[in-house]
Amino acid sequence: MPWKCFLIEPSPYCRLSLRRFTFSKETVGDTSIGFRTVEKSCPRGKDWGHDAFVVIANQVEAQNERSTLKGEFEGDPRWPARCVSCAYVFEERDQWQVNYDQLWKGSPDGKLYVLRESPPGAMWHAHWLEDATPNRYTGPDGKAWCLMMPGGVEWIVYGHSSIGEGKDRKEGPKWQVSGAPPNITAHPSIAIGKRYHGFVKGGVISADCEGRKFPAWPSTA
């Protein structure tokens, strides 16, 4: 089940959603009674807080991606009431966030996607990586590129591999990459945790070497 790589770029639209969430720990109290730390991690979130969002508009015109406070949506009945992963009910003091997520164009199916939901093979110029760490993630063209892999994980094309696991994990060498995006070949194989392990050759992402299946994304190559 291979996937062909293709370039995507920002569209003039965003997806609008309302999000409620907590941090894994919260400090409550005041100077008169003192402060204490309240545990608010989700039991299914592996030390992350509770979280939920609801999309209220799939496509709106917006100048850029951004997050804001409640603003004009204060009192809107569509705010999530419970964590998506457990029975936690959000409190008034928990976090409120209005999100305008950039929609990207260029997918072969003609649809617009937010980056984290892009289909396997989507490749984009990640200029923010250049701004944060100049020259660390750039290739021969001076640009930093990311590629969405099966399993919903993105791979930094000119980034460093990692060696070991857990506390023993350390930075390894960069992949050897040839060709121009999106028609690249990378060596050696690309292993991303337990979510995907395979190859990128001639602009095509291979099926998973360990037999994982991704029924949500049919083959495109």
N, C-alpha and C. Protein backbone atom coordinates (compact mmCIF):
# COMPACT_ATOMS: atom_id res chain seq x y z
N MET A 1 0.84 -1.19 0.00
CA MET A 1 0.00 0.00 0.00
C MET A 1 0.88 1.25 0.00
N PRO A 2 1.48 1.61 -1.11
CA PRO A 2 2.35 2.79 -1.18
C PRO A 2 1.56 4.08 -1.43
N TRP A 3 2.21 5.21 -1.13
CA TRP A 3 1.58 6.52 -1.32
C TRP A 3 2.53 7.46 -2.06
N LYS A 4 2.02 8.16 -3.04
CA LYS A 4 2.83 9.10 -3.82
C LYS A 4 2.94 10.43 -3.07
N CYS A 5 4.12 11.02 -3.06
CA CYS A 5 4.34 12.31 -2.41
C CYS A 5 3.86 13.44 -3.32
N PHE A 6 3.36 14.50 -2.72
CA PHE A 6 2.87 15.65 -3.49
C PHE A 6 3.01 16.91 -2.63
N LEU A 7 3.14 18.05 -3.29
CA LEU A 7 3.33 19.31 -2.58
C LEU A 7 1.99 19.95 -2.23
N ILE A 8 1.92 20.52 -1.02
CA ILE A 8 0.76 21.30 -0.63
C ILE A 8 1.23 22.70 -0.22
N GLU A 9 0.31 23.64 -0.24
CA GLU A 9 0.62 25.02 0.13
C GLU A 9 -0.58 25.64 0.82
N PRO A 10 -0.38 26.73 1.57
CA PRO A 10 -1.49 27.34 2.29
C PRO A 10 -2.57 27.86 1.34
N SER A 11 -3.81 27.67 1.72
CA SER A 11 -4.94 28.27 1.01
C SER A 11 -5.32 29.55 1.76
N PRO A 12 -6.22 30.35 1.19
CA PRO A 12 -6.65 31.57 1.89
C PRO A 12 -7.74 31.31 2.92
N TYR A 13 -7.91 30.04 3.31
CA TYR A 13 -8.99 29.68 4.23
C TYR A 13 -8.46 29.01 5.50
N CYS A 14 -9.28 29.05 6.53
CA CYS A 14 -9.00 28.36 7.79
C CYS A 14 -10.22 27.55 8.21
N ARG A 15 -10.00 26.57 9.08
CA ARG A 15 -11.09 25.85 9.72
C ARG A 15 -11.28 26.44 11.11
N LEU A 16 -12.50 26.72 11.48
CA LEU A 16 -12.80 27.38 12.74
C LEU A 16 -13.34 26.36 13.74
N SER A 17 -12.72 26.32 14.92
CA SER A 17 -13.17 25.37 15.94
C SER A 17 -13.11 26.00 17.33
N LEU A 18 -13.88 25.42 18.23
CA LEU A 18 -13.90 25.84 19.64
C LEU A 18 -13.30 24.72 20.47
N ARG A 19 -12.33 25.06 21.30
CA ARG A 19 -11.61 24.05 22.07
C ARG A 19 -11.69 24.34 23.56
N ARG A 20 -11.91 23.29 24.34
CA ARG A 20 -11.77 23.35 25.79
C ARG A 20 -10.67 22.39 26.18
N PHE A 21 -9.83 22.77 27.12
CA PHE A 21 -8.76 21.87 27.56
C PHE A 21 -8.26 22.28 28.93
N THR A 22 -7.46 21.40 29.54
CA THR A 22 -6.79 21.69 30.80
C THR A 22 -5.31 21.39 30.63
N PHE A 23 -4.50 22.00 31.46
CA PHE A 23 -3.12 21.58 31.57
C PHE A 23 -3.09 20.38 32.49
N SER A 24 -2.03 19.59 32.44
CA SER A 24 -1.99 18.38 33.28
C SER A 24 -1.97 18.71 34.76
N LYS A 25 -1.45 19.89 35.11
CA LYS A 25 -1.45 20.35 36.50
C LYS A 25 -1.88 21.81 36.52
N GLU A 26 -2.64 22.18 37.55
CA GLU A 26 -3.14 23.55 37.65
C GLU A 26 -2.88 24.08 39.05
N THR A 27 -2.42 25.31 39.16
CA THR A 27 -2.21 25.95 40.46
C THR A 27 -3.44 26.78 40.79
N VAL A 28 -4.05 26.52 41.94
CA VAL A 28 -5.25 27.25 42.36
C VAL A 28 -5.03 27.86 43.74
N GLY A 29 -5.85 28.86 44.08
CA GLY A 29 -5.75 29.52 45.37
C GLY A 29 -5.43 30.99 45.20
N ASP A 30 -5.14 31.65 46.30
CA ASP A 30 -4.74 33.05 46.25
C ASP A 30 -3.82 33.35 47.42
N THR A 31 -3.37 34.58 47.53
CA THR A 31 -2.38 34.94 48.54
C THR A 31 -2.92 34.84 49.97
N SER A 32 -4.26 34.90 50.12
CA SER A 32 -4.83 34.84 51.47
C SER A 32 -4.90 33.43 52.03
N ILE A 33 -5.12 32.45 51.15
CA ILE A 33 -5.24 31.07 51.63
C ILE A 33 -4.09 30.19 51.15
N GLY A 34 -3.24 30.73 50.31
CA GLY A 34 -2.13 29.96 49.78
C GLY A 34 -2.50 29.27 48.47
N PHE A 35 -1.52 28.64 47.88
CA PHE A 35 -1.72 27.99 46.59
C PHE A 35 -1.51 26.49 46.71
N ARG A 36 -2.19 25.75 45.85
CA ARG A 36 -2.00 24.29 45.81
C ARG A 36 -2.07 23.83 44.36
N THR A 37 -1.49 22.69 44.12
CA THR A 37 -1.46 22.14 42.76
C THR A 37 -2.54 21.08 42.62
N VAL A 38 -3.35 21.24 41.60
CA VAL A 38 -4.43 20.29 41.33
C VAL A 38 -4.06 19.46 40.10
N GLU A 39 -4.19 18.15 40.22
CA GLU A 39 -3.89 17.24 39.11
C GLU A 39 -5.07 17.24 38.15
N LYS A 40 -4.79 17.53 36.87
CA LYS A 40 -5.86 17.54 35.88
C LYS A 40 -5.45 16.82 34.60
N SER A 41 -4.68 15.76 34.75
CA SER A 41 -4.29 14.99 33.58
C SER A 41 -5.38 13.99 33.22
N CYS A 42 -5.53 13.73 31.93
CA CYS A 42 -6.52 12.78 31.46
C CYS A 42 -6.01 11.36 31.68
N PRO A 43 -6.79 10.46 32.25
CA PRO A 43 -6.31 9.09 32.49
C PRO A 43 -5.96 8.34 31.20
N ARG A 44 -6.45 8.81 30.08
CA ARG A 44 -6.15 8.16 28.81
C ARG A 44 -5.20 8.98 27.95
N GLY A 45 -4.67 10.05 28.53
CA GLY A 45 -3.87 10.97 27.74
C GLY A 45 -2.38 10.93 27.99
N LYS A 46 -1.90 9.96 28.78
CA LYS A 46 -0.47 9.80 29.02
C LYS A 46 0.18 11.11 29.48
N ASP A 47 -0.30 11.60 30.63
CA ASP A 47 0.24 12.80 31.28
C ASP A 47 -0.15 14.10 30.57
N TRP A 48 -1.07 14.05 29.62
CA TRP A 48 -1.61 15.25 29.01
C TRP A 48 -2.89 15.64 29.73
N GLY A 49 -3.30 16.90 29.57
CA GLY A 49 -4.54 17.35 30.17
C GLY A 49 -5.76 16.86 29.41
N HIS A 50 -6.93 17.19 29.92
CA HIS A 50 -8.18 16.87 29.23
C HIS A 50 -8.31 17.77 28.00
N ASP A 51 -9.00 17.29 26.98
CA ASP A 51 -9.04 18.05 25.73
C ASP A 51 -10.27 17.67 24.92
N ALA A 52 -10.81 18.65 24.20
CA ALA A 52 -11.91 18.40 23.27
C ALA A 52 -12.08 19.63 22.40
N PHE A 53 -12.48 19.41 21.15
CA PHE A 53 -12.78 20.54 20.29
C PHE A 53 -13.94 20.19 19.37
N VAL A 54 -14.62 21.20 18.88
CA VAL A 54 -15.71 21.00 17.94
C VAL A 54 -15.52 21.98 16.79
N VAL A 55 -15.62 21.49 15.56
CA VAL A 55 -15.50 22.33 14.37
C VAL A 55 -16.84 23.01 14.15
N ILE A 56 -16.83 24.34 14.06
CA ILE A 56 -18.09 25.06 13.84
C ILE A 56 -18.17 25.65 12.43
N ALA A 57 -17.05 25.66 11.70
CA ALA A 57 -17.06 26.08 10.30
C ALA A 57 -15.89 25.41 9.59
N ASN A 58 -16.18 24.62 8.58
CA ASN A 58 -15.13 23.88 7.88
C ASN A 58 -14.24 24.77 7.02
N GLN A 59 -14.75 25.92 6.61
CA GLN A 59 -13.96 26.79 5.74
C GLN A 59 -14.42 28.24 5.89
N VAL A 60 -13.52 29.06 6.41
CA VAL A 60 -13.79 30.50 6.53
C VAL A 60 -12.60 31.26 5.97
N GLU A 61 -12.85 32.43 5.42
CA GLU A 61 -11.75 33.26 4.96
C GLU A 61 -11.04 33.86 6.17
N ALA A 62 -9.74 33.71 6.23
CA ALA A 62 -8.96 34.22 7.36
C ALA A 62 -7.56 34.55 6.87
N GLN A 63 -7.00 35.61 7.38
CA GLN A 63 -5.68 36.05 6.94
C GLN A 63 -4.56 35.10 7.36
N ASN A 64 -4.68 34.52 8.55
CA ASN A 64 -3.63 33.63 9.02
C ASN A 64 -4.16 32.73 10.13
N GLU A 65 -3.36 31.73 10.43
CA GLU A 65 -3.70 30.80 11.50
C GLU A 65 -3.49 31.48 12.84
N ARG A 66 -4.44 31.30 13.76
CA ARG A 66 -4.30 31.95 15.06
C ARG A 66 -5.23 31.31 16.08
N SER A 67 -4.94 31.58 17.35
CA SER A 67 -5.78 31.14 18.45
C SER A 67 -6.12 32.36 19.30
N THR A 68 -7.37 32.45 19.73
CA THR A 68 -7.80 33.58 20.54
C THR A 68 -8.61 33.09 21.73
N LEU A 69 -8.96 34.00 22.64
CA LEU A 69 -9.84 33.67 23.76
C LEU A 69 -11.29 33.66 23.29
N LYS A 70 -12.23 33.53 24.21
CA LYS A 70 -13.64 33.35 23.84
C LYS A 70 -14.17 34.44 22.91
N GLY A 71 -13.89 35.69 23.23
CA GLY A 71 -14.32 36.79 22.38
C GLY A 71 -15.79 36.73 22.01
N GLU A 72 -16.07 36.83 20.72
CA GLU A 72 -17.45 36.86 20.24
C GLU A 72 -18.19 35.54 20.44
N PHE A 73 -17.45 34.47 20.80
CA PHE A 73 -18.08 33.17 20.97
C PHE A 73 -18.43 32.88 22.43
N GLU A 74 -18.25 33.85 23.31
CA GLU A 74 -18.66 33.68 24.70
C GLU A 74 -20.16 33.42 24.74
N GLY A 75 -20.55 32.38 25.43
CA GLY A 75 -21.95 32.01 25.51
C GLY A 75 -22.45 31.13 24.38
N ASP A 76 -21.57 30.84 23.42
CA ASP A 76 -21.96 29.97 22.31
C ASP A 76 -22.26 28.56 22.84
N PRO A 77 -23.40 27.97 22.51
CA PRO A 77 -23.76 26.66 23.05
C PRO A 77 -22.96 25.49 22.46
N ARG A 78 -22.12 25.77 21.49
CA ARG A 78 -21.41 24.68 20.83
C ARG A 78 -20.07 24.32 21.51
N TRP A 79 -19.66 25.04 22.52
CA TRP A 79 -18.42 24.70 23.21
C TRP A 79 -18.49 23.28 23.75
N PRO A 80 -17.41 22.48 23.64
CA PRO A 80 -17.42 21.12 24.19
C PRO A 80 -17.63 21.16 25.70
N ALA A 81 -18.41 20.19 26.20
CA ALA A 81 -18.69 20.13 27.63
C ALA A 81 -17.81 19.13 28.35
N ARG A 82 -17.36 18.09 27.64
CA ARG A 82 -16.59 17.01 28.25
C ARG A 82 -15.33 16.70 27.46
N CYS A 83 -14.36 16.13 28.14
CA CYS A 83 -13.14 15.64 27.50
C CYS A 83 -13.51 14.57 26.49
N VAL A 84 -12.85 14.57 25.34
CA VAL A 84 -13.17 13.60 24.30
C VAL A 84 -12.73 12.19 24.66
N SER A 85 -11.81 12.06 25.62
CA SER A 85 -11.25 10.74 25.94
C SER A 85 -11.76 10.14 27.24
N CYS A 86 -12.42 10.95 28.09
CA CYS A 86 -12.89 10.43 29.38
C CYS A 86 -14.15 11.20 29.79
N ALA A 87 -14.61 10.98 31.02
CA ALA A 87 -15.87 11.57 31.47
C ALA A 87 -15.69 12.93 32.14
N TYR A 88 -14.50 13.49 32.10
CA TYR A 88 -14.25 14.77 32.77
C TYR A 88 -15.14 15.87 32.19
N VAL A 89 -15.79 16.64 33.07
CA VAL A 89 -16.63 17.76 32.67
C VAL A 89 -15.84 19.05 32.88
N PHE A 90 -15.70 19.84 31.85
CA PHE A 90 -14.92 21.07 31.95
C PHE A 90 -15.55 22.06 32.92
N GLU A 91 -14.68 22.78 33.65
CA GLU A 91 -15.10 23.81 34.58
C GLU A 91 -14.91 25.18 33.95
N GLU A 92 -15.55 26.17 34.51
CA GLU A 92 -15.46 27.53 33.98
C GLU A 92 -14.01 28.00 33.91
N ARG A 93 -13.21 27.65 34.92
CA ARG A 93 -11.83 28.15 34.96
C ARG A 93 -10.88 27.39 34.04
N ASP A 94 -11.34 26.30 33.45
CA ASP A 94 -10.50 25.59 32.49
C ASP A 94 -10.32 26.45 31.24
N GLN A 95 -9.44 26.01 30.36
CA GLN A 95 -9.04 26.83 29.21
C GLN A 95 -10.11 26.88 28.11
N TRP A 96 -10.26 28.08 27.52
CA TRP A 96 -11.15 28.31 26.39
C TRP A 96 -10.30 28.80 25.22
N GLN A 97 -10.52 28.26 24.04
CA GLN A 97 -9.68 28.64 22.90
C GLN A 97 -10.47 28.59 21.59
N VAL A 98 -10.42 29.70 20.86
CA VAL A 98 -11.00 29.76 19.51
C VAL A 98 -9.86 29.58 18.53
N ASN A 99 -9.93 28.55 17.70
CA ASN A 99 -8.83 28.23 16.79
C ASN A 99 -9.19 28.44 15.33
N TYR A 100 -8.33 29.18 14.64
CA TYR A 100 -8.39 29.30 13.19
C TYR A 100 -7.20 28.50 12.64
N ASP A 101 -7.46 27.29 12.17
CA ASP A 101 -6.40 26.41 11.67
C ASP A 101 -6.30 26.54 10.16
N GLN A 102 -5.09 26.84 9.67
CA GLN A 102 -4.86 27.01 8.24
C GLN A 102 -5.25 25.76 7.46
N LEU A 103 -5.96 25.96 6.37
CA LEU A 103 -6.27 24.87 5.45
C LEU A 103 -5.28 24.91 4.30
N TRP A 104 -4.79 23.73 3.91
CA TRP A 104 -3.76 23.62 2.87
C TRP A 104 -4.35 22.97 1.63
N LYS A 105 -3.91 23.45 0.46
CA LYS A 105 -4.40 22.94 -0.82
C LYS A 105 -3.30 22.20 -1.57
N GLY A 106 -3.72 21.36 -2.52
CA GLY A 106 -2.76 20.61 -3.34
C GLY A 106 -2.94 19.11 -3.28
N SER A 107 -3.83 18.63 -2.40
CA SER A 107 -4.07 17.19 -2.30
C SER A 107 -4.71 16.67 -3.59
N PRO A 108 -4.32 15.50 -4.06
CA PRO A 108 -4.88 14.95 -5.31
C PRO A 108 -6.40 14.79 -5.28
N ASP A 109 -6.99 14.65 -4.10
CA ASP A 109 -8.44 14.50 -4.03
C ASP A 109 -9.17 15.83 -4.10
N GLY A 110 -8.42 16.94 -4.18
CA GLY A 110 -9.02 18.25 -4.32
C GLY A 110 -9.53 18.86 -3.03
N LYS A 111 -9.38 18.15 -1.91
CA LYS A 111 -9.88 18.65 -0.63
C LYS A 111 -8.84 19.53 0.07
N LEU A 112 -9.31 20.36 0.98
CA LEU A 112 -8.44 21.17 1.82
C LEU A 112 -8.29 20.48 3.17
N TYR A 113 -7.06 20.51 3.71
CA TYR A 113 -6.79 19.84 4.99
C TYR A 113 -6.01 20.76 5.92
N VAL A 114 -6.24 20.60 7.24
CA VAL A 114 -5.31 21.18 8.20
C VAL A 114 -4.11 20.23 8.23
N LEU A 115 -2.94 20.75 8.54
CA LEU A 115 -1.72 19.95 8.40
C LEU A 115 -1.79 18.61 9.13
N ARG A 116 -2.23 18.64 10.39
CA ARG A 116 -2.19 17.41 11.19
C ARG A 116 -3.12 16.33 10.67
N GLU A 117 -4.03 16.66 9.74
CA GLU A 117 -4.95 15.67 9.18
C GLU A 117 -4.68 15.40 7.71
N SER A 118 -3.55 15.88 7.21
CA SER A 118 -3.22 15.70 5.79
C SER A 118 -3.01 14.22 5.47
N PRO A 119 -3.31 13.81 4.25
CA PRO A 119 -3.11 12.40 3.86
C PRO A 119 -1.63 12.07 3.71
N PRO A 120 -1.27 10.79 3.81
CA PRO A 120 0.12 10.39 3.60
C PRO A 120 0.62 10.87 2.25
N GLY A 121 1.85 11.39 2.23
CA GLY A 121 2.44 11.89 1.00
C GLY A 121 2.44 13.40 0.89
N ALA A 122 1.62 14.07 1.70
CA ALA A 122 1.58 15.53 1.66
C ALA A 122 2.93 16.09 2.13
N MET A 123 3.51 17.00 1.36
CA MET A 123 4.81 17.59 1.69
C MET A 123 4.69 19.10 1.63
N TRP A 124 5.21 19.76 2.67
CA TRP A 124 5.07 21.22 2.73
C TRP A 124 6.36 21.91 3.19
N HIS A 125 6.49 23.14 2.74
CA HIS A 125 7.62 23.99 3.14
C HIS A 125 7.34 24.50 4.56
N ALA A 126 8.11 24.05 5.52
CA ALA A 126 7.93 24.42 6.92
C ALA A 126 8.85 25.58 7.26
N HIS A 127 8.49 26.77 6.82
CA HIS A 127 9.36 27.93 6.99
C HIS A 127 9.58 28.29 8.45
N TRP A 128 8.65 27.90 9.33
CA TRP A 128 8.79 28.19 10.75
C TRP A 128 9.97 27.45 11.38
N LEU A 129 10.34 26.31 10.81
CA LEU A 129 11.53 25.61 11.30
C LEU A 129 12.79 26.39 10.95
N GLU A 130 12.78 27.05 9.81
CA GLU A 130 13.92 27.87 9.41
C GLU A 130 14.06 29.07 10.33
N ASP A 131 12.93 29.64 10.73
CA ASP A 131 12.96 30.80 11.60
C ASP A 131 13.44 30.44 13.00
N ALA A 132 13.01 29.27 13.50
CA ALA A 132 13.35 28.86 14.86
C ALA A 132 14.80 28.41 15.00
N THR A 133 15.26 27.64 14.03
CA THR A 133 16.63 27.09 14.10
C THR A 133 17.25 27.18 12.72
N PRO A 134 17.77 28.32 12.34
CA PRO A 134 18.34 28.51 11.00
C PRO A 134 19.38 27.44 10.65
N ASN A 135 19.25 26.88 9.44
CA ASN A 135 20.20 25.91 8.86
C ASN A 135 20.12 24.50 9.45
N ARG A 136 19.41 24.32 10.56
CA ARG A 136 19.38 22.99 11.18
C ARG A 136 18.56 21.99 10.36
N TYR A 137 17.47 22.43 9.77
CA TYR A 137 16.58 21.52 9.08
C TYR A 137 16.48 21.79 7.58
N THR A 138 17.35 22.60 7.05
CA THR A 138 17.25 22.96 5.64
C THR A 138 18.02 22.01 4.74
N GLY A 139 17.55 21.90 3.49
CA GLY A 139 18.19 21.04 2.51
C GLY A 139 18.99 21.85 1.51
N PRO A 140 19.33 21.24 0.39
CA PRO A 140 20.14 21.92 -0.64
C PRO A 140 19.48 23.18 -1.20
N ASP A 141 18.15 23.24 -1.15
CA ASP A 141 17.46 24.43 -1.67
C ASP A 141 17.32 25.52 -0.61
N GLY A 142 17.89 25.29 0.59
CA GLY A 142 17.81 26.27 1.66
C GLY A 142 16.49 26.27 2.41
N LYS A 143 15.62 25.29 2.12
CA LYS A 143 14.31 25.24 2.75
C LYS A 143 14.17 24.02 3.66
N ALA A 144 13.31 24.15 4.65
CA ALA A 144 12.96 23.02 5.52
C ALA A 144 11.65 22.41 5.00
N TRP A 145 11.62 21.10 4.89
CA TRP A 145 10.45 20.40 4.37
C TRP A 145 9.95 19.36 5.36
N CYS A 146 8.63 19.19 5.41
CA CYS A 146 8.03 18.13 6.21
C CYS A 146 7.18 17.25 5.31
N LEU A 147 7.09 15.98 5.68
CA LEU A 147 6.32 15.00 4.89
C LEU A 147 5.41 14.24 5.84
N MET A 148 4.11 14.19 5.50
CA MET A 148 3.17 13.43 6.31
C MET A 148 3.31 11.94 5.98
N MET A 149 3.56 11.16 7.03
CA MET A 149 3.73 9.73 6.87
C MET A 149 2.46 8.99 7.28
N PRO A 150 2.31 7.72 6.89
CA PRO A 150 1.17 6.94 7.36
C PRO A 150 1.16 6.90 8.89
N GLY A 151 0.00 6.84 9.46
CA GLY A 151 -0.09 6.85 10.91
C GLY A 151 -0.28 8.24 11.47
N GLY A 152 -0.35 9.24 10.58
CA GLY A 152 -0.60 10.59 11.04
C GLY A 152 0.56 11.27 11.72
N VAL A 153 1.78 10.93 11.34
CA VAL A 153 2.96 11.56 11.93
C VAL A 153 3.77 12.25 10.83
N GLU A 154 4.31 13.42 11.15
CA GLU A 154 5.08 14.14 10.15
C GLU A 154 6.58 13.90 10.36
N TRP A 155 7.28 13.86 9.26
CA TRP A 155 8.72 13.61 9.26
C TRP A 155 9.43 14.83 8.70
N ILE A 156 10.45 15.33 9.43
CA ILE A 156 11.24 16.45 8.95
C ILE A 156 12.30 15.88 8.00
N VAL A 157 12.15 16.18 6.73
CA VAL A 157 12.95 15.54 5.69
C VAL A 157 14.45 15.70 5.94
N TYR A 158 14.90 16.88 6.27
CA TYR A 158 16.33 17.10 6.48
C TYR A 158 16.68 17.18 7.96
N GLY A 159 15.88 16.52 8.78
CA GLY A 159 16.13 16.49 10.22
C GLY A 159 17.05 15.35 10.62
N HIS A 160 17.29 15.25 11.91
CA HIS A 160 18.15 14.19 12.46
C HIS A 160 17.33 12.96 12.84
N SER A 161 17.91 11.81 12.67
CA SER A 161 17.30 10.59 13.17
C SER A 161 17.54 10.52 14.68
N SER A 162 17.00 9.51 15.33
CA SER A 162 17.25 9.32 16.75
C SER A 162 17.73 7.89 17.00
N ILE A 163 18.51 7.73 18.05
CA ILE A 163 19.08 6.42 18.40
C ILE A 163 18.66 6.09 19.83
N GLY A 164 18.19 4.88 20.06
CA GLY A 164 17.79 4.46 21.39
C GLY A 164 16.36 4.86 21.70
N GLU A 165 15.93 4.51 22.92
CA GLU A 165 14.57 4.80 23.34
C GLU A 165 14.56 5.35 24.76
N GLY A 166 13.46 6.02 25.09
CA GLY A 166 13.29 6.53 26.44
C GLY A 166 14.41 7.46 26.88
N LYS A 167 14.91 7.24 28.09
CA LYS A 167 15.97 8.09 28.64
C LYS A 167 17.29 7.92 27.89
N ASP A 168 17.43 6.81 27.18
CA ASP A 168 18.67 6.55 26.43
C ASP A 168 18.62 7.11 25.01
N ARG A 169 17.52 7.73 24.67
CA ARG A 169 17.37 8.25 23.31
C ARG A 169 18.28 9.45 23.09
N LYS A 170 18.95 9.46 21.95
CA LYS A 170 19.83 10.58 21.61
C LYS A 170 19.77 10.86 20.11
N GLU A 171 20.29 12.01 19.76
CA GLU A 171 20.24 12.42 18.36
C GLU A 171 21.21 11.62 17.51
N GLY A 172 20.71 11.19 16.35
CA GLY A 172 21.54 10.45 15.42
C GLY A 172 21.87 11.29 14.20
N PRO A 173 22.43 10.69 13.18
CA PRO A 173 22.79 11.44 11.96
C PRO A 173 21.54 11.81 11.16
N LYS A 174 21.71 12.72 10.22
CA LYS A 174 20.61 13.07 9.32
C LYS A 174 20.43 11.97 8.28
N TRP A 175 19.22 11.88 7.74
CA TRP A 175 19.00 10.95 6.64
C TRP A 175 19.75 11.45 5.39
N GLN A 176 20.12 10.52 4.56
CA GLN A 176 20.73 10.88 3.27
C GLN A 176 19.58 11.05 2.28
N VAL A 177 19.38 12.26 1.83
CA VAL A 177 18.24 12.58 0.97
C VAL A 177 18.72 13.06 -0.39
N SER A 178 18.18 12.48 -1.44
CA SER A 178 18.49 12.92 -2.81
C SER A 178 17.20 13.26 -3.53
N GLY A 179 17.32 14.02 -4.60
CA GLY A 179 16.15 14.43 -5.35
C GLY A 179 15.55 15.71 -4.79
N ALA A 180 14.67 16.32 -5.57
CA ALA A 180 14.02 17.56 -5.17
C ALA A 180 12.58 17.27 -4.74
N PRO A 181 12.09 17.93 -3.69
CA PRO A 181 10.71 17.71 -3.25
C PRO A 181 9.72 17.95 -4.39
N PRO A 182 8.72 17.08 -4.55
CA PRO A 182 8.38 15.97 -3.67
C PRO A 182 9.02 14.64 -4.08
N ASN A 183 9.81 14.64 -5.13
CA ASN A 183 10.35 13.37 -5.66
C ASN A 183 11.68 13.03 -5.00
N ILE A 184 11.63 12.75 -3.71
CA ILE A 184 12.85 12.50 -2.95
C ILE A 184 13.03 11.01 -2.67
N THR A 185 14.28 10.67 -2.38
CA THR A 185 14.64 9.33 -1.90
C THR A 185 15.46 9.51 -0.63
N ALA A 186 15.10 8.78 0.41
CA ALA A 186 15.79 8.90 1.70
C ALA A 186 16.39 7.56 2.10
N HIS A 187 17.56 7.62 2.72
CA HIS A 187 18.24 6.42 3.20
C HIS A 187 18.83 6.71 4.56
N PRO A 188 18.71 5.82 5.54
CA PRO A 188 18.06 4.50 5.50
C PRO A 188 16.55 4.62 5.69
N SER A 189 15.93 3.56 6.22
CA SER A 189 14.48 3.55 6.41
C SER A 189 14.08 4.58 7.47
N ILE A 190 12.79 4.87 7.50
CA ILE A 190 12.26 5.86 8.44
C ILE A 190 11.36 5.14 9.44
N ALA A 191 11.77 5.14 10.70
CA ALA A 191 10.99 4.50 11.77
C ALA A 191 10.50 5.58 12.72
N ILE A 192 9.18 5.66 12.90
CA ILE A 192 8.59 6.67 13.77
C ILE A 192 7.82 5.95 14.86
N GLY A 193 8.50 5.69 15.97
CA GLY A 193 7.88 4.99 17.09
C GLY A 193 7.26 3.68 16.65
N LYS A 194 6.05 3.43 17.14
CA LYS A 194 5.32 2.23 16.76
C LYS A 194 4.21 2.54 15.76
N ARG A 195 4.36 3.68 15.06
CA ARG A 195 3.28 4.12 14.17
C ARG A 195 3.58 3.89 12.70
N TYR A 196 4.86 3.87 12.33
CA TYR A 196 5.21 3.60 10.93
C TYR A 196 6.69 3.28 10.82
N HIS A 197 7.02 2.36 9.92
CA HIS A 197 8.41 2.04 9.59
C HIS A 197 8.45 1.66 8.11
N GLY A 198 9.15 2.48 7.32
CA GLY A 198 9.21 2.18 5.90
C GLY A 198 10.21 3.05 5.17
N PHE A 199 10.05 3.16 3.86
CA PHE A 199 11.02 3.86 3.02
C PHE A 199 10.34 4.94 2.18
N VAL A 200 11.13 5.92 1.77
CA VAL A 200 10.69 6.89 0.77
C VAL A 200 11.67 6.78 -0.40
N LYS A 201 11.18 6.36 -1.56
CA LYS A 201 12.03 6.18 -2.74
C LYS A 201 11.34 6.76 -3.97
N GLY A 202 12.05 7.66 -4.65
CA GLY A 202 11.52 8.23 -5.88
C GLY A 202 10.19 8.94 -5.69
N GLY A 203 10.00 9.58 -4.53
CA GLY A 203 8.76 10.28 -4.27
C GLY A 203 7.58 9.40 -3.92
N VAL A 204 7.86 8.17 -3.45
CA VAL A 204 6.81 7.24 -3.06
C VAL A 204 7.11 6.69 -1.67
N ILE A 205 6.11 6.75 -0.78
CA ILE A 205 6.23 6.18 0.57
C ILE A 205 5.81 4.72 0.51
N SER A 206 6.64 3.84 1.03
CA SER A 206 6.36 2.41 0.97
C SER A 206 5.30 2.00 1.99
N ALA A 207 4.78 0.79 1.80
CA ALA A 207 3.93 0.19 2.83
C ALA A 207 4.77 -0.03 4.08
N ASP A 208 4.13 -0.22 5.20
CA ASP A 208 4.84 -0.41 6.46
C ASP A 208 5.61 -1.73 6.45
N CYS A 209 6.87 -1.66 6.81
CA CYS A 209 7.73 -2.86 6.80
C CYS A 209 7.30 -3.90 7.83
N GLU A 210 6.58 -3.46 8.85
CA GLU A 210 6.18 -4.37 9.93
C GLU A 210 4.72 -4.78 9.82
N GLY A 211 4.12 -4.49 8.68
CA GLY A 211 2.78 -5.00 8.40
C GLY A 211 1.62 -4.16 8.91
N ARG A 212 1.88 -2.97 9.42
CA ARG A 212 0.77 -2.13 9.87
C ARG A 212 -0.10 -1.73 8.68
N LYS A 213 -1.41 -1.61 8.92
CA LYS A 213 -2.35 -1.23 7.87
C LYS A 213 -2.95 0.14 8.20
N PHE A 214 -3.28 0.89 7.17
CA PHE A 214 -3.85 2.22 7.34
C PHE A 214 -5.10 2.34 6.46
N PRO A 215 -6.19 1.70 6.88
CA PRO A 215 -7.39 1.63 6.05
C PRO A 215 -8.01 2.99 5.73
N ALA A 216 -7.72 4.00 6.54
CA ALA A 216 -8.32 5.32 6.27
C ALA A 216 -7.69 5.99 5.04
N TRP A 217 -6.50 5.50 4.64
CA TRP A 217 -5.79 6.15 3.53
C TRP A 217 -5.44 5.12 2.46
N PRO A 218 -6.26 4.96 1.45
CA PRO A 218 -5.98 3.97 0.39
C PRO A 218 -4.73 4.36 -0.40
N SER A 219 -4.16 3.36 -1.03
CA SER A 219 -2.93 3.56 -1.81
C SER A 219 -3.13 4.59 -2.92
N THR A 220 -2.09 5.38 -3.16
CA THR A 220 -2.14 6.37 -4.25
C THR A 220 -0.98 6.20 -5.22
N ALA A 221 -0.20 5.15 -5.08
CA ALA A 221 0.95 4.91 -5.97
C ALA A 221 1.04 3.45 -6.35
